[in-house]
Amino acid sequence: MSTQTVLIFCLILAFECINASCPDGWTRFGGSCYYFGHNDVSFLDAQKYCEGFHGYLVNINDEDENKFVTSYLEDLKDDRHWIGLTDELIEDVWKHYPSETTATFFNWAPGDPNQLKGANCVAIFRTSGYRWIDEPCTNRFRPLCELSIEAQLG
């Protein structure tokens, strides 16, 4: 294979990676695809639902990602969605789920997290202006799934 052929192949591969698309029904933002579920399920069932697509409950890492999610939910006029955030292992130590990395960005509703017993999982509520509320993990809300484009290509 000539050097020119290898170079062309590498450019095509790079172009494909940059222009990778999301599965049908998913929306791309940054380096991830997002799916806004339609059925109410518990927190753990929401994670299992996302895993069925090789994804996970969304881990909102910064203001830009939060604005994207909030804007999309406002357009859908959806009421409540689980996100991948919990303090189930250690009270008031909020970790992304399922990665268990410590969260550094938050968008809590006023008065939250309120530390109520059993309120260890986080959902986004329309009635709170799409801010975050800690809720019992057994409550039933819609899953909000994330799929890394990198993982999709791999």
N, C-alpha and C. Protein backbone atom coordinates (compact mmCIF):
# COMPACT_ATOMS: atom_id res chain seq x y z
N MET A 1 0.85 -1.17 0.00
CA MET A 1 0.00 0.00 0.00
C MET A 1 0.90 1.23 0.00
N SER A 2 0.55 2.18 -0.83
CA SER A 2 1.37 3.39 -0.91
C SER A 2 1.07 4.33 0.26
N THR A 3 1.98 5.24 0.50
CA THR A 3 1.81 6.23 1.55
C THR A 3 0.57 7.08 1.28
N GLN A 4 0.34 7.41 0.03
CA GLN A 4 -0.81 8.23 -0.34
C GLN A 4 -2.12 7.47 -0.04
N THR A 5 -2.16 6.18 -0.31
CA THR A 5 -3.35 5.38 -0.04
C THR A 5 -3.63 5.32 1.46
N VAL A 6 -2.58 5.13 2.24
CA VAL A 6 -2.73 5.08 3.70
C VAL A 6 -3.23 6.43 4.22
N LEU A 7 -2.70 7.51 3.70
CA LEU A 7 -3.11 8.84 4.11
C LEU A 7 -4.59 9.08 3.78
N ILE A 8 -5.01 8.68 2.60
CA ILE A 8 -6.42 8.85 2.21
C ILE A 8 -7.32 8.03 3.12
N PHE A 9 -6.90 6.79 3.41
CA PHE A 9 -7.68 5.93 4.31
C PHE A 9 -7.82 6.57 5.69
N CYS A 10 -6.74 7.11 6.22
CA CYS A 10 -6.76 7.76 7.53
C CYS A 10 -7.67 8.98 7.53
N LEU A 11 -7.65 9.76 6.47
CA LEU A 11 -8.52 10.94 6.37
C LEU A 11 -9.99 10.53 6.32
N ILE A 12 -10.30 9.47 5.59
CA ILE A 12 -11.68 8.99 5.51
C ILE A 12 -12.13 8.50 6.87
N LEU A 13 -11.28 7.75 7.55
CA LEU A 13 -11.62 7.25 8.88
C LEU A 13 -11.84 8.40 9.86
N ALA A 14 -10.99 9.40 9.83
CA ALA A 14 -11.14 10.57 10.70
C ALA A 14 -12.44 11.30 10.39
N PHE A 15 -12.78 11.45 9.13
CA PHE A 15 -14.01 12.11 8.72
C PHE A 15 -15.22 11.35 9.24
N GLU A 16 -15.19 10.03 9.15
CA GLU A 16 -16.29 9.20 9.64
C GLU A 16 -16.45 9.36 11.14
N CYS A 17 -15.35 9.42 11.89
CA CYS A 17 -15.43 9.59 13.35
C CYS A 17 -16.03 10.93 13.71
N ILE A 18 -15.63 11.97 13.02
CA ILE A 18 -16.13 13.32 13.29
C ILE A 18 -17.62 13.41 12.99
N ASN A 19 -18.04 12.75 11.92
CA ASN A 19 -19.43 12.85 11.48
C ASN A 19 -20.28 11.68 11.96
N ALA A 20 -19.83 10.96 12.96
CA ALA A 20 -20.60 9.82 13.47
C ALA A 20 -21.98 10.30 13.88
N SER A 21 -22.96 9.52 13.53
CA SER A 21 -24.32 9.91 13.86
C SER A 21 -24.86 9.07 15.00
N CYS A 22 -25.96 9.50 15.52
CA CYS A 22 -26.60 8.80 16.62
C CYS A 22 -27.60 7.80 16.06
N PRO A 23 -27.95 6.79 16.87
CA PRO A 23 -29.00 5.85 16.44
C PRO A 23 -30.32 6.60 16.22
N ASP A 24 -31.21 6.01 15.45
CA ASP A 24 -32.52 6.61 15.22
C ASP A 24 -33.22 6.91 16.54
N GLY A 25 -33.80 8.09 16.64
CA GLY A 25 -34.53 8.49 17.83
C GLY A 25 -33.67 9.15 18.89
N TRP A 26 -32.35 9.16 18.69
CA TRP A 26 -31.41 9.78 19.63
C TRP A 26 -31.02 11.15 19.08
N THR A 27 -30.58 12.04 19.97
CA THR A 27 -30.16 13.40 19.59
C THR A 27 -28.72 13.60 20.00
N ARG A 28 -27.94 14.16 19.08
CA ARG A 28 -26.52 14.37 19.36
C ARG A 28 -26.27 15.74 19.98
N PHE A 29 -25.38 15.74 20.97
CA PHE A 29 -24.85 16.97 21.54
C PHE A 29 -23.44 16.67 21.98
N GLY A 30 -22.48 17.47 21.55
CA GLY A 30 -21.09 17.24 21.92
C GLY A 30 -20.66 15.85 21.49
N GLY A 31 -20.03 15.13 22.39
CA GLY A 31 -19.52 13.80 22.07
C GLY A 31 -20.45 12.68 22.47
N SER A 32 -21.75 12.99 22.67
CA SER A 32 -22.71 11.97 23.10
C SER A 32 -24.01 12.06 22.33
N CYS A 33 -24.76 10.96 22.41
CA CYS A 33 -26.13 10.90 21.90
C CYS A 33 -27.05 10.77 23.12
N TYR A 34 -28.25 11.33 23.02
CA TYR A 34 -29.19 11.35 24.13
C TYR A 34 -30.53 10.80 23.69
N TYR A 35 -31.15 10.04 24.60
CA TYR A 35 -32.48 9.50 24.33
C TYR A 35 -33.38 9.83 25.52
N PHE A 36 -34.51 10.42 25.23
CA PHE A 36 -35.46 10.84 26.24
C PHE A 36 -36.59 9.81 26.27
N GLY A 37 -36.56 8.92 27.28
CA GLY A 37 -37.51 7.82 27.37
C GLY A 37 -38.95 8.28 27.52
N HIS A 38 -39.87 7.33 27.29
CA HIS A 38 -41.30 7.67 27.27
C HIS A 38 -42.11 7.00 28.38
N ASN A 39 -41.52 6.03 29.08
CA ASN A 39 -42.27 5.30 30.10
C ASN A 39 -41.65 5.50 31.48
N ASP A 40 -42.50 5.60 32.49
CA ASP A 40 -42.04 5.80 33.86
C ASP A 40 -41.56 4.47 34.46
N VAL A 41 -40.35 4.50 35.01
CA VAL A 41 -39.74 3.32 35.65
C VAL A 41 -38.93 3.79 36.85
N SER A 42 -38.54 2.84 37.71
CA SER A 42 -37.69 3.17 38.85
C SER A 42 -36.29 3.57 38.36
N PHE A 43 -35.49 4.10 39.27
CA PHE A 43 -34.13 4.52 38.93
C PHE A 43 -33.32 3.35 38.36
N LEU A 44 -33.31 2.21 39.05
CA LEU A 44 -32.53 1.07 38.58
C LEU A 44 -33.06 0.52 37.26
N ASP A 45 -34.38 0.51 37.09
CA ASP A 45 -34.94 0.06 35.82
C ASP A 45 -34.64 1.05 34.69
N ALA A 46 -34.53 2.33 35.04
CA ALA A 46 -34.14 3.33 34.04
C ALA A 46 -32.72 3.06 33.55
N GLN A 47 -31.82 2.74 34.49
CA GLN A 47 -30.45 2.41 34.11
C GLN A 47 -30.42 1.16 33.23
N LYS A 48 -31.19 0.14 33.60
CA LYS A 48 -31.25 -1.09 32.80
C LYS A 48 -31.78 -0.79 31.40
N TYR A 49 -32.77 0.09 31.33
CA TYR A 49 -33.33 0.49 30.04
C TYR A 49 -32.25 1.10 29.16
N CYS A 50 -31.47 2.02 29.73
CA CYS A 50 -30.39 2.66 28.97
C CYS A 50 -29.33 1.65 28.56
N GLU A 51 -29.01 0.72 29.46
CA GLU A 51 -28.03 -0.32 29.14
C GLU A 51 -28.48 -1.17 27.96
N GLY A 52 -29.78 -1.30 27.76
CA GLY A 52 -30.31 -2.03 26.61
C GLY A 52 -29.90 -1.41 25.29
N PHE A 53 -29.53 -0.14 25.33
CA PHE A 53 -29.04 0.58 24.14
C PHE A 53 -27.52 0.75 24.20
N HIS A 54 -26.86 0.07 25.14
CA HIS A 54 -25.41 0.20 25.40
C HIS A 54 -25.07 1.58 25.93
N GLY A 55 -26.04 2.21 26.59
CA GLY A 55 -25.84 3.53 27.18
C GLY A 55 -25.96 3.48 28.69
N TYR A 56 -26.23 4.63 29.29
CA TYR A 56 -26.33 4.78 30.73
C TYR A 56 -27.18 6.01 31.01
N LEU A 57 -27.70 6.11 32.24
CA LEU A 57 -28.42 7.33 32.61
C LEU A 57 -27.47 8.52 32.44
N VAL A 58 -27.99 9.60 31.92
CA VAL A 58 -27.15 10.76 31.59
C VAL A 58 -26.37 11.25 32.80
N ASN A 59 -25.10 11.52 32.56
CA ASN A 59 -24.22 12.14 33.56
C ASN A 59 -24.00 13.58 33.12
N ILE A 60 -24.70 14.52 33.73
CA ILE A 60 -24.59 15.92 33.34
C ILE A 60 -23.35 16.50 34.02
N ASN A 61 -22.36 16.85 33.19
CA ASN A 61 -21.05 17.24 33.70
C ASN A 61 -20.77 18.74 33.74
N ASP A 62 -21.57 19.54 33.02
CA ASP A 62 -21.28 20.97 32.99
C ASP A 62 -22.52 21.76 32.58
N GLU A 63 -22.40 23.08 32.64
CA GLU A 63 -23.51 23.97 32.34
C GLU A 63 -23.99 23.82 30.90
N ASP A 64 -23.09 23.64 29.94
CA ASP A 64 -23.50 23.49 28.54
C ASP A 64 -24.36 22.25 28.34
N GLU A 65 -23.93 21.14 28.92
CA GLU A 65 -24.71 19.91 28.79
C GLU A 65 -26.06 20.07 29.50
N ASN A 66 -26.06 20.72 30.66
CA ASN A 66 -27.30 20.95 31.38
C ASN A 66 -28.26 21.82 30.57
N LYS A 67 -27.75 22.86 29.92
CA LYS A 67 -28.59 23.74 29.09
C LYS A 67 -29.19 22.95 27.93
N PHE A 68 -28.39 22.08 27.31
CA PHE A 68 -28.91 21.26 26.23
C PHE A 68 -30.07 20.39 26.72
N VAL A 69 -29.85 19.67 27.81
CA VAL A 69 -30.87 18.77 28.35
C VAL A 69 -32.12 19.56 28.73
N THR A 70 -31.94 20.66 29.44
CA THR A 70 -33.06 21.49 29.87
C THR A 70 -33.86 22.01 28.69
N SER A 71 -33.16 22.52 27.69
CA SER A 71 -33.83 23.06 26.50
C SER A 71 -34.64 21.99 25.78
N TYR A 72 -34.05 20.81 25.67
CA TYR A 72 -34.74 19.72 24.99
C TYR A 72 -35.99 19.30 25.77
N LEU A 73 -35.86 19.19 27.09
CA LEU A 73 -37.02 18.83 27.91
C LEU A 73 -38.10 19.89 27.85
N GLU A 74 -37.71 21.16 27.81
CA GLU A 74 -38.69 22.24 27.68
C GLU A 74 -39.45 22.12 26.37
N ASP A 75 -38.75 21.79 25.29
CA ASP A 75 -39.41 21.61 23.99
C ASP A 75 -40.39 20.43 24.02
N LEU A 76 -40.00 19.35 24.71
CA LEU A 76 -40.86 18.17 24.81
C LEU A 76 -42.01 18.39 25.79
N LYS A 77 -41.83 19.35 26.70
CA LYS A 77 -42.78 19.60 27.79
C LYS A 77 -42.93 18.34 28.66
N ASP A 78 -41.83 17.60 28.81
CA ASP A 78 -41.81 16.41 29.66
C ASP A 78 -41.72 16.81 31.12
N ASP A 79 -42.35 16.01 31.98
CA ASP A 79 -42.44 16.36 33.39
C ASP A 79 -41.24 15.95 34.25
N ARG A 80 -40.86 14.66 34.21
CA ARG A 80 -39.83 14.18 35.12
C ARG A 80 -38.97 13.11 34.45
N HIS A 81 -37.66 13.25 34.60
CA HIS A 81 -36.71 12.28 34.04
C HIS A 81 -35.61 11.98 35.06
N TRP A 82 -35.25 10.70 35.15
CA TRP A 82 -34.10 10.31 35.96
C TRP A 82 -32.81 10.72 35.27
N ILE A 83 -31.83 11.15 36.06
CA ILE A 83 -30.47 11.34 35.57
C ILE A 83 -29.56 10.43 36.40
N GLY A 84 -28.38 10.16 35.92
CA GLY A 84 -27.47 9.24 36.59
C GLY A 84 -26.71 9.90 37.72
N LEU A 85 -27.39 10.17 38.82
CA LEU A 85 -26.76 10.80 39.97
C LEU A 85 -27.40 10.25 41.24
N THR A 86 -26.57 9.81 42.19
CA THR A 86 -27.08 9.23 43.42
C THR A 86 -26.10 9.44 44.58
N ASP A 87 -26.66 9.47 45.78
CA ASP A 87 -25.82 9.46 47.00
C ASP A 87 -26.17 8.23 47.83
N GLU A 88 -26.57 7.18 47.17
CA GLU A 88 -27.02 5.96 47.85
C GLU A 88 -25.93 5.30 48.67
N LEU A 89 -24.68 5.39 48.23
CA LEU A 89 -23.59 4.73 48.96
C LEU A 89 -23.17 5.52 50.20
N ILE A 90 -22.99 6.85 50.03
CA ILE A 90 -22.60 7.73 51.14
C ILE A 90 -23.49 8.97 51.08
N GLU A 91 -24.24 9.19 52.14
CA GLU A 91 -25.17 10.33 52.17
C GLU A 91 -24.45 11.64 51.88
N ASP A 92 -25.01 12.41 50.95
CA ASP A 92 -24.55 13.73 50.54
C ASP A 92 -23.21 13.72 49.78
N VAL A 93 -22.77 12.55 49.33
CA VAL A 93 -21.64 12.45 48.40
C VAL A 93 -22.24 11.98 47.08
N TRP A 94 -22.46 12.94 46.19
CA TRP A 94 -23.18 12.67 44.95
C TRP A 94 -22.24 12.14 43.89
N LYS A 95 -22.61 10.96 43.38
CA LYS A 95 -21.78 10.27 42.38
C LYS A 95 -22.61 10.01 41.14
N HIS A 96 -21.92 10.11 39.99
CA HIS A 96 -22.57 9.72 38.74
C HIS A 96 -22.79 8.23 38.76
N TYR A 97 -23.90 7.82 38.18
CA TYR A 97 -24.24 6.41 38.13
C TYR A 97 -24.30 5.98 36.68
N PRO A 98 -23.71 4.90 36.29
CA PRO A 98 -23.11 3.87 37.11
C PRO A 98 -21.59 4.00 37.30
N SER A 99 -20.97 5.04 36.79
CA SER A 99 -19.51 5.16 36.83
C SER A 99 -18.94 5.37 38.24
N GLU A 100 -19.77 5.90 39.14
CA GLU A 100 -19.38 6.22 40.52
C GLU A 100 -18.29 7.29 40.61
N THR A 101 -18.17 8.13 39.57
CA THR A 101 -17.27 9.28 39.65
C THR A 101 -17.98 10.39 40.43
N THR A 102 -17.23 11.12 41.22
CA THR A 102 -17.81 12.19 42.03
C THR A 102 -18.27 13.34 41.13
N ALA A 103 -19.50 13.76 41.33
CA ALA A 103 -20.06 14.86 40.53
C ALA A 103 -19.46 16.19 40.99
N THR A 104 -19.22 17.08 40.02
CA THR A 104 -18.70 18.41 40.34
C THR A 104 -19.64 19.51 39.87
N PHE A 105 -20.62 19.17 39.05
CA PHE A 105 -21.60 20.15 38.59
C PHE A 105 -22.97 19.75 39.12
N PHE A 106 -23.73 20.75 39.60
CA PHE A 106 -25.07 20.50 40.13
C PHE A 106 -26.00 21.61 39.67
N ASN A 107 -27.28 21.29 39.58
CA ASN A 107 -28.31 22.28 39.25
C ASN A 107 -29.54 22.00 40.11
N TRP A 108 -29.32 22.04 41.43
CA TRP A 108 -30.38 21.71 42.37
C TRP A 108 -31.51 22.74 42.35
N ALA A 109 -32.72 22.24 42.57
CA ALA A 109 -33.87 23.12 42.80
C ALA A 109 -33.70 23.74 44.18
N PRO A 110 -34.29 24.90 44.42
CA PRO A 110 -34.21 25.49 45.76
C PRO A 110 -34.71 24.50 46.82
N GLY A 111 -33.93 24.34 47.90
CA GLY A 111 -34.29 23.42 48.96
C GLY A 111 -33.79 21.99 48.76
N ASP A 112 -33.18 21.73 47.64
CA ASP A 112 -32.65 20.39 47.37
C ASP A 112 -31.14 20.45 47.28
N PRO A 113 -30.44 19.38 47.53
CA PRO A 113 -31.03 18.13 48.02
C PRO A 113 -31.51 18.31 49.45
N ASN A 114 -32.66 17.73 49.73
CA ASN A 114 -33.25 17.97 51.05
C ASN A 114 -32.99 16.86 52.06
N GLN A 115 -32.19 15.88 51.67
CA GLN A 115 -31.74 14.84 52.60
C GLN A 115 -32.86 14.01 53.21
N LEU A 116 -34.02 13.99 52.58
CA LEU A 116 -35.08 13.15 53.11
C LEU A 116 -34.64 11.69 53.08
N LYS A 117 -35.07 10.94 54.06
CA LYS A 117 -34.70 9.53 54.15
C LYS A 117 -35.15 8.80 52.88
N GLY A 118 -34.21 8.15 52.27
CA GLY A 118 -34.52 7.38 51.07
C GLY A 118 -34.53 8.18 49.79
N ALA A 119 -34.28 9.48 49.86
CA ALA A 119 -34.24 10.31 48.65
C ALA A 119 -32.80 10.35 48.16
N ASN A 120 -32.38 9.26 47.51
CA ASN A 120 -30.98 9.10 47.13
C ASN A 120 -30.71 9.14 45.63
N CYS A 121 -31.72 9.36 44.83
CA CYS A 121 -31.55 9.41 43.38
C CYS A 121 -32.07 10.75 42.87
N VAL A 122 -31.60 11.14 41.69
CA VAL A 122 -31.90 12.49 41.21
C VAL A 122 -32.70 12.47 39.92
N ALA A 123 -33.70 13.34 39.89
CA ALA A 123 -34.53 13.52 38.70
C ALA A 123 -34.61 15.00 38.37
N ILE A 124 -34.92 15.28 37.12
CA ILE A 124 -35.15 16.65 36.65
C ILE A 124 -36.66 16.82 36.56
N PHE A 125 -37.18 17.88 37.20
CA PHE A 125 -38.62 18.12 37.26
C PHE A 125 -39.00 19.38 36.47
N ARG A 126 -40.04 19.26 35.69
CA ARG A 126 -40.59 20.42 34.97
C ARG A 126 -41.07 21.48 35.96
N THR A 127 -41.74 21.03 37.04
CA THR A 127 -42.31 21.97 38.01
C THR A 127 -41.24 22.75 38.78
N SER A 128 -40.00 22.29 38.71
CA SER A 128 -38.91 23.02 39.38
C SER A 128 -38.10 23.83 38.37
N GLY A 129 -38.65 24.03 37.18
CA GLY A 129 -37.93 24.75 36.14
C GLY A 129 -36.78 23.90 35.58
N TYR A 130 -37.01 22.59 35.58
CA TYR A 130 -36.02 21.61 35.10
C TYR A 130 -34.72 21.66 35.90
N ARG A 131 -34.89 21.91 37.19
CA ARG A 131 -33.76 21.78 38.11
C ARG A 131 -33.82 20.39 38.73
N TRP A 132 -32.81 20.05 39.49
CA TRP A 132 -32.66 18.70 40.01
C TRP A 132 -33.29 18.57 41.39
N ILE A 133 -33.92 17.41 41.62
CA ILE A 133 -34.57 17.11 42.89
C ILE A 133 -34.16 15.69 43.30
N ASP A 134 -33.78 15.53 44.58
CA ASP A 134 -33.48 14.18 45.05
C ASP A 134 -34.79 13.49 45.43
N GLU A 135 -34.91 12.25 45.00
CA GLU A 135 -36.14 11.49 45.13
C GLU A 135 -35.82 10.06 45.55
N PRO A 136 -36.77 9.36 46.17
CA PRO A 136 -36.56 7.94 46.42
C PRO A 136 -36.34 7.20 45.09
N CYS A 137 -35.39 6.30 45.09
CA CYS A 137 -35.02 5.59 43.86
C CYS A 137 -36.13 4.68 43.33
N THR A 138 -37.12 4.40 44.20
CA THR A 138 -38.23 3.55 43.78
C THR A 138 -39.33 4.32 43.06
N ASN A 139 -39.28 5.66 43.12
CA ASN A 139 -40.26 6.44 42.36
C ASN A 139 -40.10 6.14 40.88
N ARG A 140 -41.11 6.48 40.11
CA ARG A 140 -41.12 6.10 38.69
C ARG A 140 -41.15 7.35 37.80
N PHE A 141 -40.06 7.54 37.09
CA PHE A 141 -39.93 8.64 36.14
C PHE A 141 -39.36 8.10 34.83
N ARG A 142 -39.30 8.92 33.83
CA ARG A 142 -38.77 8.51 32.54
C ARG A 142 -37.24 8.51 32.55
N PRO A 143 -36.63 7.54 31.86
CA PRO A 143 -35.16 7.54 31.77
C PRO A 143 -34.66 8.59 30.79
N LEU A 144 -33.51 9.16 31.10
CA LEU A 144 -32.82 10.06 30.18
C LEU A 144 -31.45 9.42 29.94
N CYS A 145 -31.28 8.83 28.76
CA CYS A 145 -30.11 8.01 28.46
C CYS A 145 -29.05 8.78 27.69
N GLU A 146 -27.80 8.39 27.90
CA GLU A 146 -26.66 8.95 27.19
C GLU A 146 -25.84 7.80 26.61
N LEU A 147 -25.35 8.02 25.42
CA LEU A 147 -24.50 7.05 24.73
C LEU A 147 -23.31 7.80 24.19
N SER A 148 -22.13 7.44 24.64
CA SER A 148 -20.91 8.07 24.16
C SER A 148 -20.68 7.71 22.69
N ILE A 149 -20.42 8.71 21.86
CA ILE A 149 -20.17 8.42 20.45
C ILE A 149 -18.91 7.58 20.32
N GLU A 150 -17.94 7.80 21.18
CA GLU A 150 -16.72 7.00 21.19
C GLU A 150 -17.05 5.53 21.42
N ALA A 151 -17.92 5.26 22.39
CA ALA A 151 -18.33 3.88 22.69
C ALA A 151 -19.10 3.28 21.53
N GLN A 152 -19.90 4.10 20.87
CA GLN A 152 -20.68 3.63 19.73
C GLN A 152 -19.77 3.21 18.58
N LEU A 153 -18.67 3.94 18.39
CA LEU A 153 -17.73 3.63 17.30
C LEU A 153 -16.89 2.40 17.63
N GLY A 154 -16.63 2.20 18.93
CA GLY A 154 -15.77 1.11 19.36
C GLY A 154 -16.46 -0.18 19.35
